[in-house]
N, C-alpha and C. Protein backbone atom coordinates (compact mmCIF):
# COMPACT_ATOMS: atom_id res chain seq x y z
N THR A 1 -4.92 17.84 48.80
CA THR A 1 -5.12 18.70 48.37
C THR A 1 -6.45 19.03 47.83
N VAL A 2 -7.37 19.83 47.68
CA VAL A 2 -8.45 20.34 46.76
C VAL A 2 -8.35 21.24 45.96
N GLU A 3 -8.10 20.95 44.56
CA GLU A 3 -8.19 22.12 43.45
C GLU A 3 -9.22 23.04 43.23
N LYS A 4 -8.95 23.86 42.34
CA LYS A 4 -10.46 24.62 42.16
C LYS A 4 -11.00 23.56 40.86
N PRO A 5 -12.34 23.53 40.88
CA PRO A 5 -12.72 23.14 39.79
C PRO A 5 -12.25 23.70 38.52
N PHE A 6 -11.76 23.13 37.35
CA PHE A 6 -11.80 23.09 36.10
C PHE A 6 -12.98 24.04 35.80
N GLU A 7 -12.59 25.11 34.89
CA GLU A 7 -14.07 25.82 34.34
C GLU A 7 -13.18 26.31 32.74
N GLY A 8 -14.22 26.57 32.24
CA GLY A 8 -14.35 26.66 30.71
C GLY A 8 -14.15 25.69 29.72
N ASN A 9 -13.34 25.92 28.22
CA ASN A 9 -13.12 24.84 27.63
C ASN A 9 -11.49 24.60 27.24
N PHE A 10 -11.49 22.70 27.38
CA PHE A 10 -10.24 22.55 27.19
C PHE A 10 -9.94 21.60 25.97
N PHE A 11 -9.03 21.46 25.62
CA PHE A 11 -8.46 20.31 24.68
C PHE A 11 -8.12 19.05 25.26
N ILE A 12 -8.50 17.88 25.23
CA ILE A 12 -8.12 16.55 25.46
C ILE A 12 -7.38 15.89 24.87
N GLN A 13 -6.03 16.11 25.50
CA GLN A 13 -5.19 15.41 24.23
C GLN A 13 -4.18 14.10 25.27
N CYS A 14 -3.96 13.42 24.06
CA CYS A 14 -3.33 12.12 24.47
C CYS A 14 -2.08 12.52 24.87
N TYR A 15 -1.40 11.11 25.62
CA TYR A 15 -0.34 11.04 26.37
C TYR A 15 1.00 11.60 25.63
N ASN A 16 0.80 11.13 24.30
CA ASN A 16 1.87 11.29 23.18
C ASN A 16 1.87 12.48 22.73
N ARG A 17 0.86 13.80 22.79
CA ARG A 17 0.67 14.89 22.60
C ARG A 17 0.46 14.96 20.64
N VAL A 18 0.16 13.73 20.17
CA VAL A 18 -0.15 13.76 18.69
C VAL A 18 -1.67 13.80 18.39
N GLY A 19 -2.62 13.89 19.21
CA GLY A 19 -3.68 14.12 18.84
C GLY A 19 -5.12 14.27 20.09
N VAL A 20 -6.17 14.67 19.96
CA VAL A 20 -6.94 15.27 20.93
C VAL A 20 -8.32 15.05 20.63
N TRP A 21 -9.16 14.71 21.53
CA TRP A 21 -10.87 14.21 21.53
C TRP A 21 -11.41 15.14 20.42
N ASP A 22 -11.90 14.46 19.29
CA ASP A 22 -12.54 15.52 18.36
C ASP A 22 -13.77 14.19 17.82
N THR A 23 -14.91 14.88 16.97
CA THR A 23 -15.66 14.14 16.48
C THR A 23 -15.91 14.40 14.72
N ASP A 24 -16.04 13.38 14.35
CA ASP A 24 -16.88 13.72 12.86
C ASP A 24 -17.76 14.55 12.62
N THR A 25 -18.66 14.10 13.17
CA THR A 25 -20.38 15.44 13.19
C THR A 25 -20.61 15.37 14.96
N THR A 26 -21.47 16.31 14.36
CA THR A 26 -21.90 16.39 16.12
C THR A 26 -23.27 15.62 16.43
N ALA A 27 -23.37 14.78 15.77
CA ALA A 27 -24.64 14.35 15.98
C ALA A 27 -24.59 13.16 17.27
N SER A 28 -25.64 13.23 17.82
CA SER A 28 -26.25 12.37 19.08
C SER A 28 -25.66 10.73 18.74
N GLY A 29 -25.03 10.13 19.54
CA GLY A 29 -24.29 8.59 19.24
C GLY A 29 -23.04 8.68 18.57
N GLU A 30 -22.53 9.86 18.02
CA GLU A 30 -21.21 9.71 17.35
C GLU A 30 -20.09 9.15 18.23
N GLU A 31 -19.29 8.63 17.64
CA GLU A 31 -18.11 7.96 18.80
C GLU A 31 -17.45 9.48 18.52
N ILE A 32 -16.39 9.45 20.09
CA ILE A 32 -15.18 10.28 20.13
C ILE A 32 -14.13 9.71 19.47
N GLU A 33 -13.38 10.24 18.75
CA GLU A 33 -11.89 9.64 18.35
C GLU A 33 -10.88 10.68 19.22
N CYS A 34 -9.55 9.86 18.76
CA CYS A 34 -8.57 10.98 19.25
C CYS A 34 -7.51 11.42 17.87
N GLN A 35 -8.30 12.40 17.08
CA GLN A 35 -7.90 12.88 15.70
C GLN A 35 -6.14 13.57 16.02
N GLU A 36 -5.71 13.46 15.28
CA GLU A 36 -4.60 14.46 14.72
C GLU A 36 -5.19 16.07 14.79
N ILE A 37 -4.25 16.72 15.54
CA ILE A 37 -4.51 18.07 15.96
C ILE A 37 -4.44 18.68 14.93
N ASN A 38 -3.79 18.68 13.56
CA ASN A 38 -4.02 19.53 12.31
C ASN A 38 -5.73 19.11 11.55
N GLU A 39 -6.24 18.00 12.55
CA GLU A 39 -7.26 17.51 11.76
C GLU A 39 -8.35 18.06 12.95
N LYS A 40 -8.53 18.90 13.46
CA LYS A 40 -9.40 19.00 14.40
C LYS A 40 -10.54 20.00 14.26
N VAL A 41 -11.64 19.72 14.35
CA VAL A 41 -12.93 20.34 14.02
C VAL A 41 -13.94 20.73 15.35
N ASN A 42 -14.17 19.54 16.01
CA ASN A 42 -15.25 19.87 17.27
C ASN A 42 -14.13 19.10 18.33
N CYS A 43 -13.12 19.75 18.73
CA CYS A 43 -12.19 19.50 19.58
C CYS A 43 -12.15 20.26 20.49
N LEU A 44 -13.60 21.10 21.28
CA LEU A 44 -13.20 21.60 22.22
C LEU A 44 -14.49 21.15 23.53
N TRP A 45 -14.02 20.78 24.57
CA TRP A 45 -14.69 20.56 25.55
C TRP A 45 -14.75 21.27 26.58
N ARG A 46 -15.91 21.49 27.09
CA ARG A 46 -16.79 21.88 28.30
C ARG A 46 -16.65 21.13 29.67
N LEU A 47 -15.72 21.83 30.79
CA LEU A 47 -15.91 20.47 31.81
C LEU A 47 -16.61 21.49 32.81
N GLU A 48 -17.74 20.77 33.64
CA GLU A 48 -19.07 20.94 33.74
C GLU A 48 -19.18 20.33 35.32
N TYR A 49 -18.55 21.11 36.56
CA TYR A 49 -18.43 20.55 38.10
C TYR A 49 -19.63 20.39 37.84
N GLN A 50 -20.13 19.37 39.07
CA GLN A 50 -21.32 18.71 39.35
C GLN A 50 -21.94 18.63 40.95
N ASN A 51 -20.16 19.58 41.95
CA ASN A 51 -20.28 19.48 43.49
C ASN A 51 -20.49 18.63 44.06
N ASN A 52 -19.71 17.45 43.39
CA ASN A 52 -20.12 16.04 44.07
C ASN A 52 -18.21 15.38 43.70
N GLY A 53 -17.49 16.18 43.24
CA GLY A 53 -16.30 15.49 42.99
C GLY A 53 -16.61 14.90 41.63
N TYR A 54 -17.69 14.43 40.70
CA TYR A 54 -17.34 14.34 39.51
C TYR A 54 -18.19 15.72 38.29
N TYR A 55 -17.15 15.62 36.72
CA TYR A 55 -18.01 16.33 36.18
C TYR A 55 -18.54 15.56 34.44
N ALA A 56 -19.35 16.82 34.33
CA ALA A 56 -20.15 16.24 33.07
C ALA A 56 -18.90 16.74 32.17
N ILE A 57 -18.60 16.06 30.89
CA ILE A 57 -17.95 16.77 30.23
C ILE A 57 -18.58 17.02 28.92
N ARG A 58 -19.04 18.34 28.07
CA ARG A 58 -19.99 18.77 27.14
C ARG A 58 -19.09 19.20 25.89
N GLN A 59 -19.46 18.55 24.71
CA GLN A 59 -18.78 19.05 23.55
C GLN A 59 -19.78 20.41 23.17
N ASP A 60 -18.26 21.19 23.30
CA ASP A 60 -18.76 22.79 23.00
C ASP A 60 -19.74 23.04 21.88
N SER A 61 -19.23 22.46 20.73
CA SER A 61 -20.10 22.95 19.03
C SER A 61 -21.19 21.82 19.25
N SER A 62 -21.63 21.00 19.94
CA SER A 62 -22.67 20.26 20.08
C SER A 62 -23.66 20.52 20.78
N GLY A 63 -23.10 20.69 21.96
CA GLY A 63 -23.84 20.63 23.49
C GLY A 63 -24.07 19.37 23.93
N TYR A 64 -23.45 18.01 23.08
CA TYR A 64 -23.92 16.99 23.81
C TYR A 64 -22.74 16.44 24.77
N TYR A 65 -22.85 15.40 25.75
CA TYR A 65 -22.17 14.77 26.56
C TYR A 65 -21.33 14.08 26.40
N VAL A 66 -20.07 13.59 26.96
CA VAL A 66 -19.59 12.33 26.85
C VAL A 66 -20.54 10.94 27.64
N THR A 67 -20.39 10.03 26.55
CA THR A 67 -21.60 9.32 27.11
C THR A 67 -20.58 7.62 27.23
N SER A 68 -21.00 7.34 28.19
CA SER A 68 -20.16 5.61 28.38
C SER A 68 -21.21 4.84 27.56
N THR A 69 -21.11 4.35 26.42
CA THR A 69 -21.87 3.19 25.83
C THR A 69 -21.55 2.30 25.41
N ASN A 70 -21.68 0.92 25.88
CA ASN A 70 -21.58 -0.06 25.69
C ASN A 70 -19.79 -0.23 25.01
N GLY A 71 -19.20 0.08 25.98
CA GLY A 71 -17.54 0.47 25.98
C GLY A 71 -16.67 1.31 24.93
N ALA A 72 -17.66 2.43 24.47
CA ALA A 72 -17.41 3.48 24.01
C ALA A 72 -17.54 4.35 24.56
N ALA A 73 -17.06 5.62 24.36
CA ALA A 73 -17.13 7.02 24.70
C ALA A 73 -17.96 7.88 23.17
N LYS A 74 -19.02 8.05 23.76
CA LYS A 74 -19.83 8.58 22.94
C LYS A 74 -20.60 9.88 23.29
N LEU A 75 -21.34 10.99 22.08
CA LEU A 75 -22.04 11.86 22.27
C LEU A 75 -23.50 11.44 22.74
N GLY A 76 -24.15 12.49 24.01
CA GLY A 76 -25.53 11.78 24.15
C GLY A 76 -25.89 12.87 25.22
N ALA A 77 -27.16 13.46 24.72
CA ALA A 77 -28.29 14.14 25.09
C ALA A 77 -28.22 13.89 26.93
N LYS A 78 -28.00 15.40 28.10
CA LYS A 78 -28.61 15.13 28.94
C LYS A 78 -29.69 14.42 29.42
N ALA A 79 -30.03 13.46 30.13
CA ALA A 79 -30.69 13.09 30.53
C ALA A 79 -32.18 13.94 31.22
N SER A 80 -33.00 13.64 31.02
CA SER A 80 -34.16 14.58 31.62
C SER A 80 -34.18 14.74 32.79
N GLY A 81 -33.65 13.63 33.74
CA GLY A 81 -33.88 13.75 35.17
C GLY A 81 -32.39 14.28 35.81
N GLY A 82 -31.35 14.55 34.74
CA GLY A 82 -30.24 15.10 34.99
C GLY A 82 -29.38 13.92 34.74
N PHE A 83 -28.00 13.97 34.80
CA PHE A 83 -26.55 12.98 34.27
C PHE A 83 -27.22 12.09 35.01
N THR A 84 -26.83 10.84 33.96
CA THR A 84 -26.64 9.62 34.36
C THR A 84 -24.99 9.20 35.11
N ASN A 85 -25.27 8.30 35.44
CA ASN A 85 -23.71 7.81 36.50
C ASN A 85 -22.92 7.85 35.07
N TYR A 86 -23.25 7.35 33.78
CA TYR A 86 -22.75 6.77 32.83
C TYR A 86 -22.54 8.04 32.14
N GLN A 87 -22.69 9.16 32.30
CA GLN A 87 -22.42 10.95 32.02
C GLN A 87 -21.20 11.31 32.80
N LEU A 88 -20.96 10.88 34.06
CA LEU A 88 -20.34 11.70 34.88
C LEU A 88 -18.64 10.98 35.05
N TRP A 89 -17.97 11.77 35.29
CA TRP A 89 -16.27 11.50 35.31
C TRP A 89 -15.74 12.32 36.24
N LYS A 90 -14.68 11.40 36.79
CA LYS A 90 -13.85 11.70 37.90
C LYS A 90 -12.31 11.89 37.09
N LEU A 91 -11.73 13.07 37.89
CA LEU A 91 -10.95 13.60 37.05
C LEU A 91 -9.74 13.39 38.20
N ILE A 92 -8.66 12.18 37.53
CA ILE A 92 -7.65 11.82 38.95
C ILE A 92 -6.29 12.62 38.41
N LYS A 93 -5.74 13.22 39.08
CA LYS A 93 -4.58 13.87 38.74
C LYS A 93 -3.41 12.99 38.76
N GLN A 94 -2.62 12.76 37.87
CA GLN A 94 -1.28 11.86 38.54
C GLN A 94 -0.29 12.84 38.25
N ASP A 95 0.97 12.15 38.70
CA ASP A 95 2.30 13.03 39.18
C ASP A 95 2.53 13.49 38.07
N ASP A 96 2.40 13.03 36.74
CA ASP A 96 3.22 13.63 35.93
C ASP A 96 2.65 14.71 34.91
N GLY A 97 1.41 15.24 35.56
CA GLY A 97 0.75 16.58 35.18
C GLY A 97 -0.41 16.32 34.29
N THR A 98 -0.65 14.52 34.05
CA THR A 98 -1.88 14.08 33.01
C THR A 98 -3.03 14.01 34.20
N HIS A 99 -4.45 13.40 33.72
CA HIS A 99 -5.43 13.21 34.48
C HIS A 99 -5.63 11.79 34.09
N LYS A 100 -6.18 10.86 34.62
CA LYS A 100 -7.34 9.84 34.19
C LYS A 100 -8.28 10.17 34.39
N ILE A 101 -9.39 9.86 33.92
CA ILE A 101 -10.71 10.03 33.68
C ILE A 101 -11.46 8.52 34.02
N GLN A 102 -11.88 8.49 35.23
CA GLN A 102 -12.79 7.89 35.86
C GLN A 102 -14.18 7.80 35.63
N SER A 103 -14.90 6.44 35.48
CA SER A 103 -16.55 6.54 34.82
C SER A 103 -17.16 6.39 36.42
N LYS A 104 -18.28 7.31 36.78
CA LYS A 104 -18.48 7.26 37.87
C LYS A 104 -19.55 5.94 38.03
N ALA A 105 -19.94 5.49 36.75
CA ALA A 105 -20.98 4.13 36.62
C ALA A 105 -20.24 3.14 36.95
N ASN A 106 -18.83 2.80 37.00
CA ASN A 106 -17.73 1.99 37.33
C ASN A 106 -16.31 2.17 37.79
N PHE A 107 -15.91 2.05 38.93
CA PHE A 107 -14.54 3.18 39.30
C PHE A 107 -13.49 2.33 38.94
N TYR A 108 -13.71 0.86 38.52
CA TYR A 108 -12.89 0.56 37.69
C TYR A 108 -12.64 0.79 36.27
N TYR A 109 -13.78 1.41 35.58
CA TYR A 109 -13.30 1.79 34.09
C TYR A 109 -12.85 3.49 34.10
N TYR A 110 -11.93 3.49 32.95
CA TYR A 110 -11.51 4.63 32.53
C TYR A 110 -11.52 4.95 31.11
N ILE A 111 -11.52 6.29 30.53
CA ILE A 111 -11.61 6.66 29.06
C ILE A 111 -10.48 6.36 28.77
N THR A 112 -10.40 5.84 27.33
CA THR A 112 -9.15 5.17 27.13
C THR A 112 -8.51 5.12 25.99
N GLU A 113 -7.55 5.14 25.08
CA GLU A 113 -7.06 5.43 23.97
C GLU A 113 -7.23 4.28 23.15
N GLU A 114 -8.17 4.10 22.30
CA GLU A 114 -7.92 2.78 21.51
C GLU A 114 -6.57 1.99 21.33
N ASN A 115 -5.77 2.75 20.61
CA ASN A 115 -4.60 2.66 20.21
C ASN A 115 -3.85 4.10 20.27
N GLY A 116 -2.62 3.73 21.15
CA GLY A 116 -1.45 5.13 20.67
C GLY A 116 -0.83 4.99 19.79
N ASN A 117 -0.96 4.01 18.98
CA ASN A 117 -0.14 4.43 17.68
C ASN A 117 -1.02 5.01 16.44
N HIS A 118 -0.63 6.17 16.34
CA HIS A 118 -0.91 7.46 15.41
C HIS A 118 -1.02 6.99 13.84
N ASN A 119 -0.30 5.96 13.37
CA ASN A 119 -0.06 5.68 12.46
C ASN A 119 -1.49 5.04 12.37
N ARG A 120 -2.10 4.55 12.90
CA ARG A 120 -3.76 4.25 12.94
C ARG A 120 -4.44 5.14 12.77
N ILE A 121 -5.67 5.57 11.52
CA ILE A 121 -6.20 6.54 11.68
C ILE A 121 -7.14 6.81 12.80
N ASP A 122 -7.06 7.92 13.80
CA ASP A 122 -8.05 8.24 14.50
C ASP A 122 -8.53 7.10 15.36
N PRO A 123 -7.81 6.94 16.07
CA PRO A 123 -8.06 5.89 17.10
C PRO A 123 -9.32 5.96 17.99
N ASP A 124 -10.37 5.17 18.14
CA ASP A 124 -11.24 5.53 18.87
C ASP A 124 -10.77 5.43 20.34
N ILE A 125 -12.05 6.16 21.32
CA ILE A 125 -11.94 6.85 22.60
C ILE A 125 -13.15 5.19 23.06
N LEU A 126 -12.25 4.56 24.31
CA LEU A 126 -12.94 3.68 24.89
C LEU A 126 -12.99 4.31 26.02
N VAL A 127 -14.21 3.49 26.54
CA VAL A 127 -14.64 2.89 28.63
C VAL A 127 -14.08 1.46 28.78
N SER A 128 -12.55 1.92 29.28
CA SER A 128 -11.90 0.72 29.74
C SER A 128 -11.82 0.03 30.79
N ASN A 129 -11.98 -1.13 31.29
CA ASN A 129 -11.46 -1.48 32.66
C ASN A 129 -10.29 -2.34 32.90
N ALA A 130 -9.67 -2.61 31.66
CA ALA A 130 -8.10 -3.00 31.20
C ALA A 130 -6.96 -1.73 31.70
N SER A 131 -6.12 -2.25 32.66
CA SER A 131 -4.85 -1.11 32.56
C SER A 131 -4.27 -1.40 31.20
N ALA A 132 -4.38 0.08 31.00
CA ALA A 132 -3.60 0.53 29.58
C ALA A 132 -2.84 1.28 29.64
N GLY A 133 -1.89 1.65 30.80
CA GLY A 133 -0.98 2.68 30.72
C GLY A 133 -0.93 3.76 30.86
N THR A 134 -0.28 4.79 29.24
CA THR A 134 -0.47 5.76 29.12
C THR A 134 -1.71 6.31 28.28
N ARG A 135 -2.21 4.94 27.65
CA ARG A 135 -3.76 5.41 26.70
C ARG A 135 -4.69 5.80 28.02
N GLN A 136 -4.61 5.82 29.08
CA GLN A 136 -5.44 6.46 29.97
C GLN A 136 -5.20 7.43 30.59
N LYS A 137 -3.91 8.07 30.18
CA LYS A 137 -3.55 9.65 30.83
C LYS A 137 -3.79 10.28 29.43
N TRP A 138 -4.68 11.80 29.81
CA TRP A 138 -4.89 12.48 29.09
C TRP A 138 -4.00 14.24 29.46
N TYR A 139 -3.96 14.95 28.84
CA TYR A 139 -3.46 16.14 29.40
C TYR A 139 -4.81 17.31 29.01
N LEU A 140 -4.89 18.17 29.90
CA LEU A 140 -6.43 18.92 29.70
C LEU A 140 -5.26 20.34 29.32
N LYS A 141 -5.75 20.87 27.97
CA LYS A 141 -5.30 21.71 27.80
C LYS A 141 -6.09 22.91 27.40
N PRO A 142 -6.59 24.06 28.36
CA PRO A 142 -7.04 25.25 28.13
C PRO A 142 -7.08 26.06 27.01
N LEU A 143 -8.04 26.27 26.51
CA LEU A 143 -8.25 27.13 25.37
C LEU A 143 -8.13 28.39 25.54
N THR A 144 -6.60 29.35 25.33
CA THR A 144 -5.99 30.21 25.93
C THR A 144 -5.98 31.48 25.28
N LEU A 145 -6.39 32.73 25.44
CA LEU A 145 -6.27 33.73 24.84
C LEU A 145 -5.10 34.70 25.48
N ASN A 146 -3.76 34.65 24.88
CA ASN A 146 -2.83 35.71 25.17
C ASN A 146 -2.92 36.88 24.95
N LEU A 147 -3.46 38.11 25.61
CA LEU A 147 -3.67 39.61 25.19
C LEU A 147 -2.42 40.11 25.82
N THR A 148 -1.96 40.88 24.94
CA THR A 148 -0.63 42.06 25.36
C THR A 148 -0.89 43.03 25.21
N VAL A 149 -1.29 43.76 26.37
CA VAL A 149 -1.09 45.49 26.26
C VAL A 149 0.41 45.98 26.41
N ARG A 150 0.86 46.81 25.58
CA ARG A 150 1.79 48.13 25.20
C ARG A 150 1.28 48.89 25.32
N TYR A 151 1.74 49.69 26.32
CA TYR A 151 2.13 51.14 26.95
C TYR A 151 3.20 51.92 26.82
N ASP A 152 3.00 53.29 26.80
CA ASP A 152 4.89 53.75 27.10
C ASP A 152 4.47 54.53 28.40
N PRO A 153 5.57 55.13 28.90
CA PRO A 153 6.07 55.34 30.45
C PRO A 153 5.12 56.53 30.63
N ALA A 154 4.75 57.34 29.83
CA ALA A 154 3.82 58.64 29.09
C ALA A 154 2.49 58.33 30.03
N PHE A 155 1.47 57.33 29.83
CA PHE A 155 0.65 56.81 29.99
C PHE A 155 0.64 56.72 31.32
N SER A 156 1.40 55.82 31.88
CA SER A 156 1.57 55.21 33.56
C SER A 156 1.82 56.37 34.40
N SER A 157 2.28 57.76 33.80
CA SER A 157 2.63 58.66 34.52
C SER A 157 2.02 59.41 34.73
N ARG A 158 0.86 59.85 33.83
CA ARG A 158 -0.33 60.63 33.65
C ARG A 158 -1.72 59.89 34.38
N TYR A 159 -1.52 58.94 34.23
CA TYR A 159 -3.04 58.01 34.48
C TYR A 159 -2.69 57.00 35.59
N GLY A 160 -1.71 56.47 35.83
CA GLY A 160 -1.14 55.59 36.92
C GLY A 160 -1.20 54.27 36.32
N GLN A 161 -0.70 53.25 36.64
CA GLN A 161 -0.98 52.07 36.89
C GLN A 161 -2.29 51.25 36.68
N SER A 162 -2.93 51.75 37.75
CA SER A 162 -4.52 51.64 38.23
C SER A 162 -5.42 51.58 36.85
N ALA A 163 -5.03 53.06 36.29
CA ALA A 163 -6.15 53.25 35.32
C ALA A 163 -6.09 51.90 34.33
N LEU A 164 -4.48 51.51 34.19
CA LEU A 164 -4.37 51.23 32.61
C LEU A 164 -4.95 49.56 32.76
N GLU A 165 -4.88 48.87 34.33
CA GLU A 165 -5.43 47.60 34.88
C GLU A 165 -6.80 47.55 34.47
N SER A 166 -7.71 49.05 35.12
CA SER A 166 -9.01 48.96 34.92
C SER A 166 -9.57 49.43 34.18
N ALA A 167 -8.73 49.19 33.24
CA ALA A 167 -8.93 49.58 31.65
C ALA A 167 -9.86 48.10 31.25
N PHE A 168 -9.03 47.01 31.63
CA PHE A 168 -8.92 45.84 31.16
C PHE A 168 -10.20 44.85 32.42
N GLY A 169 -9.87 45.40 33.31
CA GLY A 169 -10.74 44.93 34.60
C GLY A 169 -12.32 44.71 34.03
N ASN A 170 -13.16 45.60 33.04
CA ASN A 170 -14.47 45.65 33.80
C ASN A 170 -15.21 46.00 32.34
N ASN A 171 -15.62 45.05 31.76
CA ASN A 171 -16.61 45.39 30.12
C ASN A 171 -18.45 46.20 30.75
N SER A 172 -19.17 46.19 29.69
CA SER A 172 -20.19 46.89 30.09
C SER A 172 -21.22 46.03 30.72
N ALA A 173 -20.87 44.68 30.88
CA ALA A 173 -21.76 43.64 31.91
C ALA A 173 -21.14 43.87 33.01
N GLY A 174 -20.04 44.62 33.73
CA GLY A 174 -19.41 44.76 34.70
C GLY A 174 -18.76 43.58 35.18
N LYS A 175 -18.17 43.25 34.42
CA LYS A 175 -17.06 41.96 34.51
C LYS A 175 -15.95 42.06 33.95
N SER A 176 -15.15 41.36 34.30
CA SER A 176 -13.77 41.57 34.31
C SER A 176 -13.81 41.04 32.60
N VAL A 177 -12.36 41.46 31.74
CA VAL A 177 -12.63 40.69 30.83
C VAL A 177 -12.25 39.18 30.78
N SER A 178 -11.52 39.01 31.92
CA SER A 178 -10.90 37.12 31.93
C SER A 178 -12.63 36.72 32.04
N SER A 179 -13.05 37.28 33.35
CA SER A 179 -14.41 36.21 33.44
C SER A 179 -15.75 36.16 32.93
N PHE A 180 -15.51 37.15 31.52
CA PHE A 180 -16.74 37.78 30.64
C PHE A 180 -16.12 36.53 29.44
N PHE A 181 -14.63 36.36 29.15
CA PHE A 181 -14.68 35.57 27.98
C PHE A 181 -14.81 33.95 28.45
N LEU A 182 -14.36 33.81 29.71
CA LEU A 182 -14.39 32.44 29.97
C LEU A 182 -15.98 32.15 30.45
N GLU A 183 -16.93 32.48 31.17
CA GLU A 183 -18.29 32.67 30.87
C GLU A 183 -19.05 32.39 29.91
N GLN A 184 -18.76 33.42 28.51
CA GLN A 184 -19.03 33.16 27.30
C GLN A 184 -19.06 32.08 26.46
N PHE A 185 -17.22 32.04 26.64
CA PHE A 185 -16.61 31.54 25.34
C PHE A 185 -15.79 30.19 25.91
N GLY A 186 -15.75 30.09 26.97
CA GLY A 186 -14.71 29.57 27.75
C GLY A 186 -13.43 29.35 27.66
N ILE A 187 -12.93 31.17 27.06
CA ILE A 187 -11.69 31.23 26.80
C ILE A 187 -10.91 31.63 28.13
N HIS A 188 -9.77 30.96 28.19
CA HIS A 188 -9.41 31.50 29.13
C HIS A 188 -8.05 32.64 28.91
N VAL A 189 -8.56 33.91 29.22
CA VAL A 189 -7.77 35.19 28.84
C VAL A 189 -6.42 35.44 29.61
N LYS A 190 -5.37 35.19 29.47
CA LYS A 190 -4.05 35.83 30.20
C LYS A 190 -3.69 37.30 29.86
N VAL A 191 -4.14 38.24 30.48
CA VAL A 191 -3.50 39.91 29.69
C VAL A 191 -1.93 39.91 30.40
N ASN A 192 -1.06 40.48 29.48
CA ASN A 192 -0.16 40.71 29.76
C ASN A 192 0.53 42.32 29.63
N TYR A 193 1.03 43.17 30.26
CA TYR A 193 1.11 44.33 30.26
C TYR A 193 2.64 44.84 29.80
N ILE A 194 3.03 45.42 28.99
CA ILE A 194 4.47 45.52 28.95
C ILE A 194 4.59 47.07 28.69
N GLU A 195 5.74 47.26 28.99
CA GLU A 195 5.80 48.85 29.02
C GLU A 195 6.81 49.14 27.93
N THR A 196 6.50 49.79 26.92
CA THR A 196 7.78 50.57 25.85
C THR A 196 8.46 51.51 25.65
N ALA A 197 9.21 52.01 24.64
CA ALA A 197 9.78 53.32 24.72
C ALA A 197 8.69 54.73 24.80
N TYR A 198 9.05 56.00 25.19
CA TYR A 198 7.63 56.68 25.00
C TYR A 198 7.78 57.32 23.54
N GLN A 199 6.74 56.91 23.39
CA GLN A 199 5.90 57.09 22.19
C GLN A 199 4.51 58.32 22.04
N SER A 200 3.91 58.61 23.20
CA SER A 200 2.88 59.65 23.29
C SER A 200 3.17 60.93 22.95
N TYR A 201 2.20 61.28 22.22
CA TYR A 201 2.29 62.66 21.44
C TYR A 201 1.06 63.05 22.69
N PRO A 202 1.46 64.54 23.08
CA PRO A 202 2.99 65.19 23.09
C PRO A 202 4.21 64.92 24.00
N TYR A 203 3.70 63.58 24.50
CA TYR A 203 4.79 63.49 25.92
C TYR A 203 6.24 62.99 25.61
N GLN A 204 6.29 63.03 24.05
CA GLN A 204 7.29 61.96 23.91
C GLN A 204 8.73 62.48 23.94
N LYS A 205 8.86 63.97 24.15
CA LYS A 205 10.00 64.27 24.62
C LYS A 205 9.91 64.80 26.44
């Protein structure tokens, strides 16, 4: 099956779900670590599909890309002539819902958590050719905003459900709320409509 390419910002979470990709600073050359969830600072990653089966992975806060450097995953600038193979990654979905992240520079190499024991502070993120089991499996969690719209029956009886949905369907830029937030901020918006009891004046009776 062919899946729609990932869009927007994601948390990249380790297999045991206690840490996410993060960096202490946003400087070029900074090494990526798997930091505890409550420590996260620079923890959002934009997945940019390259139309060739590979992604560049950009840190949202710095604008730098995940770059394979001497066995480590570090922040690096996009090369002047375009992405190098050391900056391109294939996302390989696993049966348990995780993904393995394979380097284009060498398909034997995968992004790997240095140590799955988080009693050790902030394990480094490596690019390793050794089979490392679950330390090479990652959950890709989209940054999601749940928007709840509550309305009473008077609104839908007077204006119709379509009016309610169209209110959130377009903004001044002519885009839906969902597409605007995804494009501008990498946020995935889920709009939920909930009908409440009659409350609107003068229709409450």
